[in-house]
Amino acid sequence: MTFGEKLKEARKNAGLSQEQFAEKMCVSRSAIAKWESDKGMPDINNLKAMSQLLGVSVDYLIADDGQLSLAEIKEPITLDSYAKTGRCRSKKDAACLAKYSTADAIFPLIRYKKMTALTRVIDFFIQPGIHNVLDQIENTAAYYLVETAGKQLLVKVDKDFMTTTELAVKVNPKRFEFGQYLFKKAFCQLIEGK
């Protein structure tokens, strides 16, 4: 189960509607809907509050194949202040490289949304690959696996923010799963492994 599925189940078990839960959490109903659909993660304070309110542990909520971590940092960025140079294919590459210039390795990633058996069948009959094309149109962020100081960080760069999540379990850069996505290493590297 994903974080969102666990949150939704725990909320229903507590007998709360999204509106009631949002009111008790002092957040908007749309924030709850976003978290339950795995389109975002609450910060540590909200995780603690929802854990107490719903009577479940934070570990239960965030455990997702052992790869989620509480160490997530979301920083605002001005993408236009970065220039495409050297190995950088885009301003997003440049932003990640500027932030993690001392990293041991930076792997640009290709993201695929995991599909259920039914989604695969529909995708095949409508237009093979359309599911991922639509996901790419909806989410234009760039993703990177950064290896630094013995840690692995999953970095998401979009036009307004850089979100960094420390992975709790070491993954293979060639292919790994995280949440509702499968990530594969792109053909290039921003920083070669040391």
C-alpha atoms as a PDB file:
ATOM      1  CA  MET A   1       0.000   0.000   0.000  1.00  0.00           C
ATOM      2  CA  THR A   2       1.157   3.511  -0.761  1.00  0.00           C
ATOM      3  CA  PHE A   3       1.256   6.334   1.777  1.00  0.00           C
ATOM      4  CA  GLY A   4      -1.964   7.776   0.301  1.00  0.00           C
ATOM      5  CA  GLU A   5      -3.806   4.457   0.495  1.00  0.00           C
ATOM      6  CA  LYS A   6      -2.742   3.972   4.115  1.00  0.00           C
ATOM      7  CA  LEU A   7      -3.760   7.509   5.015  1.00  0.00           C
ATOM      8  CA  LYS A   8      -7.185   7.122   3.384  1.00  0.00           C
ATOM      9  CA  GLU A   9      -7.771   3.773   5.098  1.00  0.00           C
ATOM     10  CA  ALA A  10      -6.708   5.140   8.511  1.00  0.00           C
ATOM     11  CA  ARG A  11      -8.928   8.214   8.054  1.00  0.00           C
ATOM     12  CA  LYS A  12     -11.950   6.042   7.181  1.00  0.00           C
ATOM     13  CA  ASN A  13     -11.217   3.695  10.100  1.00  0.00           C
ATOM     14  CA  ALA A  14     -11.263   6.766  12.351  1.00  0.00           C
ATOM     15  CA  GLY A  15     -14.729   7.603  10.955  1.00  0.00           C
ATOM     16  CA  LEU A  16     -13.673  10.944   9.469  1.00  0.00           C
ATOM     17  CA  SER A  17     -14.568  12.493   6.118  1.00  0.00           C
ATOM     18  CA  GLN A  18     -11.860  14.388   4.243  1.00  0.00           C
ATOM     19  CA  GLU A  19     -13.479  17.656   5.369  1.00  0.00           C
ATOM     20  CA  GLN A  20     -13.564  16.615   9.036  1.00  0.00           C
ATOM     21  CA  PHE A  21      -9.997  15.351   8.918  1.00  0.00           C
ATOM     22  CA  ALA A  22      -8.811  18.558   7.208  1.00  0.00           C
ATOM     23  CA  GLU A  23     -10.519  20.656   9.886  1.00  0.00           C
ATOM     24  CA  LYS A  24      -8.867  18.694  12.707  1.00  0.00           C
ATOM     25  CA  MET A  25      -5.484  18.920  10.941  1.00  0.00           C
ATOM     26  CA  CYS A  26      -5.929  22.677  10.240  1.00  0.00           C
ATOM     27  CA  VAL A  27      -5.260  22.164   6.527  1.00  0.00           C
ATOM     28  CA  SER A  28      -7.424  22.412   3.416  1.00  0.00           C
ATOM     29  CA  ARG A  29      -9.516  19.499   2.154  1.00  0.00           C
ATOM     30  CA  SER A  30      -7.534  19.687  -1.088  1.00  0.00           C
ATOM     31  CA  ALA A  31      -4.316  19.025   0.881  1.00  0.00           C
ATOM     32  CA  ILE A  32      -5.871  15.840   2.281  1.00  0.00           C
ATOM     33  CA  ALA A  33      -7.028  14.812  -1.219  1.00  0.00           C
ATOM     34  CA  LYS A  34      -3.521  15.492  -2.569  1.00  0.00           C
ATOM     35  CA  TRP A  35      -1.892  13.353   0.132  1.00  0.00           C
ATOM     36  CA  GLU A  36      -4.422  10.533  -0.297  1.00  0.00           C
ATOM     37  CA  SER A  37      -3.827  10.449  -4.059  1.00  0.00           C
ATOM     38  CA  ASP A  38      -0.026  10.278  -3.548  1.00  0.00           C
ATOM     39  CA  LYS A  39       0.510  13.626  -5.259  1.00  0.00           C
ATOM     40  CA  GLY A  40       2.324  15.056  -2.273  1.00  0.00           C
ATOM     41  CA  MET A  41       3.660  14.305   1.190  1.00  0.00           C
ATOM     42  CA  PRO A  42       2.880  16.178   4.395  1.00  0.00           C
ATOM     43  CA  ASP A  43       5.715  17.722   6.372  1.00  0.00           C
ATOM     44  CA  ILE A  44       6.996  16.111   9.568  1.00  0.00           C
ATOM     45  CA  ASN A  45       4.716  18.151  11.848  1.00  0.00           C
ATOM     46  CA  ASN A  46       1.622  17.140   9.872  1.00  0.00           C
ATOM     47  CA  LEU A  47       2.782  13.501   9.865  1.00  0.00           C
ATOM     48  CA  LYS A  48       3.076  13.560  13.659  1.00  0.00           C
ATOM     49  CA  ALA A  49      -0.336  15.211  14.040  1.00  0.00           C
ATOM     50  CA  MET A  50      -2.115  12.796  11.694  1.00  0.00           C
ATOM     51  CA  SER A  51      -0.418   9.840  13.378  1.00  0.00           C
ATOM     52  CA  GLN A  52      -1.817  10.899  16.763  1.00  0.00           C
ATOM     53  CA  LEU A  53      -5.212  11.845  15.378  1.00  0.00           C
ATOM     54  CA  LEU A  54      -5.680   8.582  13.460  1.00  0.00           C
ATOM     55  CA  GLY A  55      -4.084   6.309  16.054  1.00  0.00           C
ATOM     56  CA  VAL A  56      -1.424   4.873  13.726  1.00  0.00           C
ATOM     57  CA  SER A  57       2.346   5.194  13.809  1.00  0.00           C
ATOM     58  CA  VAL A  58       4.317   7.475  11.515  1.00  0.00           C
ATOM     59  CA  ASP A  59       6.338   4.386  10.531  1.00  0.00           C
ATOM     60  CA  TYR A  60       3.173   2.620   9.390  1.00  0.00           C
ATOM     61  CA  LEU A  61       2.122   5.585   7.263  1.00  0.00           C
ATOM     62  CA  ILE A  62       5.412   6.164   5.514  1.00  0.00           C
ATOM     63  CA  ALA A  63       6.773   2.606   5.158  1.00  0.00           C
ATOM     64  CA  ASP A  64       6.720   1.987   1.388  1.00  0.00           C
ATOM     65  CA  ASP A  65       9.093  -0.843   0.516  1.00  0.00           C
ATOM     66  CA  GLY A  66      11.433   0.741   3.065  1.00  0.00           C
ATOM     67  CA  GLN A  67      12.361   3.566   0.697  1.00  0.00           C
ATOM     68  CA  LEU A  68      10.535   6.576   2.075  1.00  0.00           C
ATOM     69  CA  SER A  69      12.220   8.796   4.595  1.00  0.00           C
ATOM     70  CA  LEU A  70      11.222  11.706   6.777  1.00  0.00           C
ATOM     71  CA  ALA A  71      14.191  13.682   5.481  1.00  0.00           C
ATOM     72  CA  GLU A  72      12.468  15.706   2.746  1.00  0.00           C
ATOM     73  CA  ILE A  73      13.428  19.278   1.939  1.00  0.00           C
ATOM     74  CA  LYS A  74      11.458  21.499  -0.437  1.00  0.00           C
ATOM     75  CA  GLU A  75      13.254  24.681  -1.492  1.00  0.00           C
ATOM     76  CA  PRO A  76      11.984  27.418  -3.806  1.00  0.00           C
ATOM     77  CA  ILE A  77      14.171  28.028  -6.869  1.00  0.00           C
ATOM     78  CA  THR A  78      14.253  30.490  -9.758  1.00  0.00           C
ATOM     79  CA  LEU A  79      14.883  28.215 -12.715  1.00  0.00           C
ATOM     80  CA  ASP A  80      15.678  31.102 -15.070  1.00  0.00           C
ATOM     81  CA  SER A  81      18.760  31.957 -13.003  1.00  0.00           C
ATOM     82  CA  TYR A  82      20.486  28.734 -14.164  1.00  0.00           C
ATOM     83  CA  ALA A  83      22.214  28.279 -17.519  1.00  0.00           C
ATOM     84  CA  LYS A  84      22.537  25.136 -19.619  1.00  0.00           C
ATOM     85  CA  THR A  85      26.304  24.453 -19.799  1.00  0.00           C
ATOM     86  CA  GLY A  86      28.688  21.488 -20.084  1.00  0.00           C
ATOM     87  CA  ARG A  87      26.938  18.217 -19.311  1.00  0.00           C
ATOM     88  CA  CYS A  88      23.671  19.997 -18.451  1.00  0.00           C
ATOM     89  CA  ARG A  89      20.891  19.244 -20.932  1.00  0.00           C
ATOM     90  CA  SER A  90      18.497  21.734 -19.327  1.00  0.00           C
ATOM     91  CA  LYS A  91      18.182  24.444 -16.684  1.00  0.00           C
ATOM     92  CA  LYS A  92      16.818  21.752 -14.351  1.00  0.00           C
ATOM     93  CA  ASP A  93      20.069  19.791 -14.788  1.00  0.00           C
ATOM     94  CA  ALA A  94      22.003  23.008 -14.056  1.00  0.00           C
ATOM     95  CA  ALA A  95      19.967  23.658 -10.885  1.00  0.00           C
ATOM     96  CA  CYS A  96      20.612  20.136  -9.569  1.00  0.00           C
ATOM     97  CA  LEU A  97      24.307  20.328 -10.441  1.00  0.00           C
ATOM     98  CA  ALA A  98      24.664  23.734  -8.762  1.00  0.00           C
ATOM     99  CA  LYS A  99      23.036  22.452  -5.562  1.00  0.00           C
ATOM    100  CA  TYR A 100      24.998  19.179  -5.447  1.00  0.00           C
ATOM    101  CA  SER A 101      28.275  20.138  -7.146  1.00  0.00           C
ATOM    102  CA  THR A 102      30.309  18.236  -4.535  1.00  0.00           C
ATOM    103  CA  ALA A 103      28.278  15.005  -4.855  1.00  0.00           C
ATOM    104  CA  ASP A 104      29.970  11.710  -5.691  1.00  0.00           C
ATOM    105  CA  ALA A 105      27.528  11.072  -8.571  1.00  0.00           C
ATOM    106  CA  ILE A 106      24.384  12.603 -10.087  1.00  0.00           C
ATOM    107  CA  PHE A 107      22.220  10.378 -12.284  1.00  0.00           C
ATOM    108  CA  PRO A 108      19.426  12.000 -14.324  1.00  0.00           C
ATOM    109  CA  LEU A 109      16.408   9.674 -14.180  1.00  0.00           C
ATOM    110  CA  ILE A 110      13.626   8.672 -16.530  1.00  0.00           C
ATOM    111  CA  ARG A 111      10.307   8.304 -14.681  1.00  0.00           C
ATOM    112  CA  TYR A 112       7.523   5.846 -15.535  1.00  0.00           C
ATOM    113  CA  LYS A 113       4.228   5.637 -13.705  1.00  0.00           C
ATOM    114  CA  LYS A 114       3.562   2.105 -12.466  1.00  0.00           C
ATOM    115  CA  MET A 115       0.507   0.579 -14.104  1.00  0.00           C
ATOM    116  CA  THR A 116      -2.014  -1.940 -12.841  1.00  0.00           C
ATOM    117  CA  ALA A 117      -2.931  -4.895 -15.053  1.00  0.00           C
ATOM    118  CA  LEU A 118      -6.123  -3.097 -16.133  1.00  0.00           C
ATOM    119  CA  THR A 119      -4.232   0.108 -16.957  1.00  0.00           C
ATOM    120  CA  ARG A 120      -1.754  -1.907 -19.056  1.00  0.00           C
ATOM    121  CA  VAL A 121      -4.586  -3.448 -21.073  1.00  0.00           C
ATOM    122  CA  ILE A 122      -6.281  -0.075 -21.614  1.00  0.00           C
ATOM    123  CA  ASP A 123      -2.949   1.526 -22.495  1.00  0.00           C
ATOM    124  CA  PHE A 124      -2.233  -1.233 -25.041  1.00  0.00           C
ATOM    125  CA  PHE A 125      -5.603  -0.949 -26.792  1.00  0.00           C
ATOM    126  CA  ILE A 126      -5.905   2.848 -26.827  1.00  0.00           C
ATOM    127  CA  GLN A 127      -2.315   3.700 -27.763  1.00  0.00           C
ATOM    128  CA  PRO A 128       0.732   1.919 -26.352  1.00  0.00           C
ATOM    129  CA  GLY A 129       2.645   4.314 -24.125  1.00  0.00           C
ATOM    130  CA  ILE A 130      -0.167   6.906 -23.821  1.00  0.00           C
ATOM    131  CA  HIS A 131      -0.411   6.392 -20.044  1.00  0.00           C
ATOM    132  CA  ASN A 132       3.170   7.574 -19.511  1.00  0.00           C
ATOM    133  CA  VAL A 133       2.869  10.360 -22.100  1.00  0.00           C
ATOM    134  CA  LEU A 134      -0.131  11.784 -20.234  1.00  0.00           C
ATOM    135  CA  ASP A 135       1.737  11.482 -16.925  1.00  0.00           C
ATOM    136  CA  GLN A 136       4.752  13.322 -18.419  1.00  0.00           C
ATOM    137  CA  ILE A 137       2.466  16.123 -19.655  1.00  0.00           C
ATOM    138  CA  GLU A 138       0.916  16.473 -16.192  1.00  0.00           C
ATOM    139  CA  ASN A 139       4.239  16.334 -14.321  1.00  0.00           C
ATOM    140  CA  THR A 140       7.094  18.054 -16.181  1.00  0.00           C
ATOM    141  CA  ALA A 141       9.575  17.852 -13.299  1.00  0.00           C
ATOM    142  CA  ALA A 142      13.057  16.386 -13.777  1.00  0.00           C
ATOM    143  CA  TYR A 143      14.294  13.716 -11.373  1.00  0.00           C
ATOM    144  CA  TYR A 144      17.833  12.851 -10.262  1.00  0.00           C
ATOM    145  CA  LEU A 145      19.495  10.300  -8.019  1.00  0.00           C
ATOM    146  CA  VAL A 146      22.290  12.043  -6.127  1.00  0.00           C
ATOM    147  CA  GLU A 147      24.923  10.040  -4.264  1.00  0.00           C
ATOM    148  CA  THR A 148      26.782  12.053  -1.651  1.00  0.00           C
ATOM    149  CA  ALA A 149      28.497  11.274   1.675  1.00  0.00           C
ATOM    150  CA  GLY A 150      27.251   7.673   1.646  1.00  0.00           C
ATOM    151  CA  LYS A 151      23.625   8.748   1.148  1.00  0.00           C
ATOM    152  CA  GLN A 152      21.285   8.570  -1.814  1.00  0.00           C
ATOM    153  CA  LEU A 153      18.943  11.468  -2.469  1.00  0.00           C
ATOM    154  CA  LEU A 154      15.997  11.537  -4.859  1.00  0.00           C
ATOM    155  CA  VAL A 155      15.861  15.100  -6.207  1.00  0.00           C
ATOM    156  CA  LYS A 156      12.852  16.513  -8.056  1.00  0.00           C
ATOM    157  CA  VAL A 157      13.283  19.819  -9.882  1.00  0.00           C
ATOM    158  CA  ASP A 158      10.313  21.676 -11.321  1.00  0.00           C
ATOM    159  CA  LYS A 159       9.933  25.285 -12.396  1.00  0.00           C
ATOM    160  CA  ASP A 160       9.383  26.580  -8.837  1.00  0.00           C
ATOM    161  CA  PHE A 161      10.879  24.080  -6.374  1.00  0.00           C
ATOM    162  CA  MET A 162      13.664  21.601  -5.746  1.00  0.00           C
ATOM    163  CA  THR A 163      12.468  18.768  -3.514  1.00  0.00           C
ATOM    164  CA  THR A 164      15.082  16.445  -2.020  1.00  0.00           C
ATOM    165  CA  THR A 165      14.181  13.181  -0.296  1.00  0.00           C
ATOM    166  CA  GLU A 166      16.790  11.060   1.445  1.00  0.00           C
ATOM    167  CA  LEU A 167      16.229   7.392   0.602  1.00  0.00           C
ATOM    168  CA  ALA A 168      16.193   5.068   3.601  1.00  0.00           C
ATOM    169  CA  VAL A 169      17.394   2.077   1.561  1.00  0.00           C
ATOM    170  CA  LYS A 170      20.180   2.069  -1.018  1.00  0.00           C
ATOM    171  CA  VAL A 171      18.821   1.611  -4.557  1.00  0.00           C
ATOM    172  CA  ASN A 172      20.414   0.606  -7.836  1.00  0.00           C
ATOM    173  CA  PRO A 173      20.570   3.702 -10.070  1.00  0.00           C
ATOM    174  CA  LYS A 174      19.880   1.573 -13.149  1.00  0.00           C
ATOM    175  CA  ARG A 175      16.314   0.790 -12.037  1.00  0.00           C
ATOM    176  CA  PHE A 176      14.327   1.274  -8.826  1.00  0.00           C
ATOM    177  CA  GLU A 177      10.799   1.885  -7.590  1.00  0.00           C
ATOM    178  CA  PHE A 178       9.731   4.742  -5.359  1.00  0.00           C
ATOM    179  CA  GLY A 179       6.093   5.341  -4.464  1.00  0.00           C
ATOM    180  CA  GLN A 180       3.942   5.023  -7.574  1.00  0.00           C
ATOM    181  CA  TYR A 181       6.868   5.408  -9.993  1.00  0.00           C
ATOM    182  CA  LEU A 182       9.572   3.308 -11.584  1.00  0.00           C
ATOM    183  CA  PHE A 183      12.831   5.173 -12.222  1.00  0.00           C
ATOM    184  CA  LYS A 184      15.557   4.252 -14.705  1.00  0.00           C
ATOM    185  CA  LYS A 185      18.949   5.887 -15.122  1.00  0.00           C
ATOM    186  CA  ALA A 186      19.224   8.114 -18.215  1.00  0.00           C
ATOM    187  CA  PHE A 187      22.124   7.576 -20.622  1.00  0.00           C
ATOM    188  CA  CYS A 188      24.130  10.523 -19.276  1.00  0.00           C
ATOM    189  CA  GLN A 189      25.494  11.525 -15.868  1.00  0.00           C
ATOM    190  CA  LEU A 190      25.977  15.026 -14.511  1.00  0.00           C
ATOM    191  CA  ILE A 191      28.771  13.901 -12.191  1.00  0.00           C
ATOM    192  CA  GLU A 192      30.547  10.583 -12.796  1.00  0.00           C
ATOM    193  CA  GLY A 193      30.821   8.204  -9.835  1.00  0.00           C
ATOM    194  CA  LYS A 194      34.049   8.639  -7.868  1.00  0.00           C
END
